[in-house]
C-alpha atoms as a PDB file:
ATOM      1  CA  MET A   1     -35.996   0.466  25.409  1.00  0.00           C
ATOM      2  CA  ALA A   2     -35.396  -3.249  25.175  1.00  0.00           C
ATOM      3  CA  LEU A   3     -33.195  -5.763  23.434  1.00  0.00           C
ATOM      4  CA  THR A   4     -36.098  -6.987  21.394  1.00  0.00           C
ATOM      5  CA  ASN A   5     -36.081  -9.787  18.820  1.00  0.00           C
ATOM      6  CA  TYR A   6     -35.853  -7.117  16.013  1.00  0.00           C
ATOM      7  CA  VAL A   7     -32.900  -5.457  17.597  1.00  0.00           C
ATOM      8  CA  ARG A   8     -31.258  -8.977  18.050  1.00  0.00           C
ATOM      9  CA  GLN A   9     -31.775  -9.647  14.492  1.00  0.00           C
ATOM     10  CA  TRP A  10     -29.956  -6.446  13.281  1.00  0.00           C
ATOM     11  CA  LEU A  11     -27.006  -7.188  15.677  1.00  0.00           C
ATOM     12  CA  GLY A  12     -26.961 -10.903  14.590  1.00  0.00           C
ATOM     13  CA  ARG A  13     -26.699  -9.963  10.901  1.00  0.00           C
ATOM     14  CA  ALA A  14     -24.010  -7.551  11.706  1.00  0.00           C
ATOM     15  CA  ASP A  15     -22.057 -10.160  13.661  1.00  0.00           C
ATOM     16  CA  GLU A  16     -22.315 -12.597  10.503  1.00  0.00           C
ATOM     17  CA  ASP A  17     -20.833  -9.758   8.388  1.00  0.00           C
ATOM     18  CA  ILE A  18     -17.939  -9.353  10.696  1.00  0.00           C
ATOM     19  CA  GLN A  19     -17.443 -13.248  10.844  1.00  0.00           C
ATOM     20  CA  THR A  20     -17.518 -13.404   7.019  1.00  0.00           C
ATOM     21  CA  ALA A  21     -15.076 -10.468   6.702  1.00  0.00           C
ATOM     22  CA  GLU A  22     -12.739 -12.261   9.194  1.00  0.00           C
ATOM     23  CA  ILE A  23     -12.976 -15.535   7.184  1.00  0.00           C
ATOM     24  CA  LEU A  24     -12.269 -13.884   4.000  1.00  0.00           C
ATOM     25  CA  LEU A  25      -9.368 -11.880   5.529  1.00  0.00           C
ATOM     26  CA  ARG A  26      -7.789 -15.185   6.723  1.00  0.00           C
ATOM     27  CA  GLU A  27      -8.163 -16.546   3.121  1.00  0.00           C
ATOM     28  CA  GLU A  28      -6.579 -13.427   1.847  1.00  0.00           C
ATOM     29  CA  THR A  29      -9.496 -12.718  -0.483  1.00  0.00           C
ATOM     30  CA  SER A  30     -10.162  -9.649  -2.413  1.00  0.00           C
ATOM     31  CA  ALA A  31     -10.034  -6.465  -0.351  1.00  0.00           C
ATOM     32  CA  ASN A  32     -13.168  -5.108  -1.962  1.00  0.00           C
ATOM     33  CA  ILE A  33     -15.317  -8.056  -0.557  1.00  0.00           C
ATOM     34  CA  ILE A  34     -13.641  -7.676   2.826  1.00  0.00           C
ATOM     35  CA  CYS A  35     -14.536  -3.996   2.910  1.00  0.00           C
ATOM     36  CA  PHE A  36     -18.051  -4.581   1.625  1.00  0.00           C
ATOM     37  CA  HIS A  37     -18.798  -7.041   4.607  1.00  0.00           C
ATOM     38  CA  SER A  38     -17.163  -4.699   7.000  1.00  0.00           C
ATOM     39  CA  GLN A  39     -19.311  -1.696   5.737  1.00  0.00           C
ATOM     40  CA  GLN A  40     -22.395  -3.889   5.969  1.00  0.00           C
ATOM     41  CA  ALA A  41     -21.508  -4.792   9.473  1.00  0.00           C
ATOM     42  CA  GLY A  42     -21.169  -1.217  10.532  1.00  0.00           C
ATOM     43  CA  GLU A  43     -24.444  -0.186   8.833  1.00  0.00           C
ATOM     44  CA  LYS A  44     -26.199  -2.973  10.558  1.00  0.00           C
ATOM     45  CA  PHE A  45     -24.831  -2.235  14.027  1.00  0.00           C
ATOM     46  CA  LEU A  46     -25.938   1.353  13.702  1.00  0.00           C
ATOM     47  CA  LYS A  47     -29.446   0.288  12.415  1.00  0.00           C
ATOM     48  CA  GLY A  48     -29.563  -2.028  15.520  1.00  0.00           C
ATOM     49  CA  PHE A  49     -28.647   0.900  17.793  1.00  0.00           C
ATOM     50  CA  LEU A  50     -31.596   2.835  16.056  1.00  0.00           C
ATOM     51  CA  ALA A  51     -33.911  -0.151  16.520  1.00  0.00           C
ATOM     52  CA  PHE A  52     -32.995  -0.340  20.226  1.00  0.00           C
ATOM     53  CA  HIS A  53     -33.936   3.177  20.497  1.00  0.00           C
ATOM     54  CA  GLU A  54     -37.193   2.572  18.738  1.00  0.00           C
ATOM     55  CA  LYS A  55     -36.375   4.953  15.842  1.00  0.00           C
ATOM     56  CA  HIS A  56     -37.488   4.455  12.257  1.00  0.00           C
ATOM     57  CA  ILE A  57     -34.912   2.658  10.117  1.00  0.00           C
ATOM     58  CA  ARG A  58     -34.718   3.855   6.581  1.00  0.00           C
ATOM     59  CA  LYS A  59     -33.670   1.619   3.771  1.00  0.00           C
ATOM     60  CA  ILE A  60     -30.600   3.574   2.939  1.00  0.00           C
ATOM     61  CA  HIS A  61     -26.818   2.662   2.827  1.00  0.00           C
ATOM     62  CA  ASP A  62     -25.434   6.270   3.395  1.00  0.00           C
ATOM     63  CA  MET A  63     -23.360   5.655   6.598  1.00  0.00           C
ATOM     64  CA  SER A  64     -23.128   9.436   7.164  1.00  0.00           C
ATOM     65  CA  ALA A  65     -26.933   9.711   7.151  1.00  0.00           C
ATOM     66  CA  ILE A  66     -27.405   6.739   9.388  1.00  0.00           C
ATOM     67  CA  LEU A  67     -24.876   8.012  11.798  1.00  0.00           C
ATOM     68  CA  ALA A  68     -26.546  11.341  11.875  1.00  0.00           C
ATOM     69  CA  GLU A  69     -29.872   9.574  12.711  1.00  0.00           C
ATOM     70  CA  CYS A  70     -28.014   7.867  15.666  1.00  0.00           C
ATOM     71  CA  GLU A  71     -26.793  11.191  17.040  1.00  0.00           C
END
């Protein structure tokens, strides 16, 4: 297992979503869009975890299914 460029890309995208959510939160933007970016960050962090462990990453958005794959 290694912190490959592919893993870094997933984690970087997740960080961008967190940063976006933080900016939107400071701007007191709609809770829906803040929650969207927060969910996206969680999904991308989990997919980064799967990539780190060299597991297949499915194109799904079901957090429960992704988390189950991480287990």
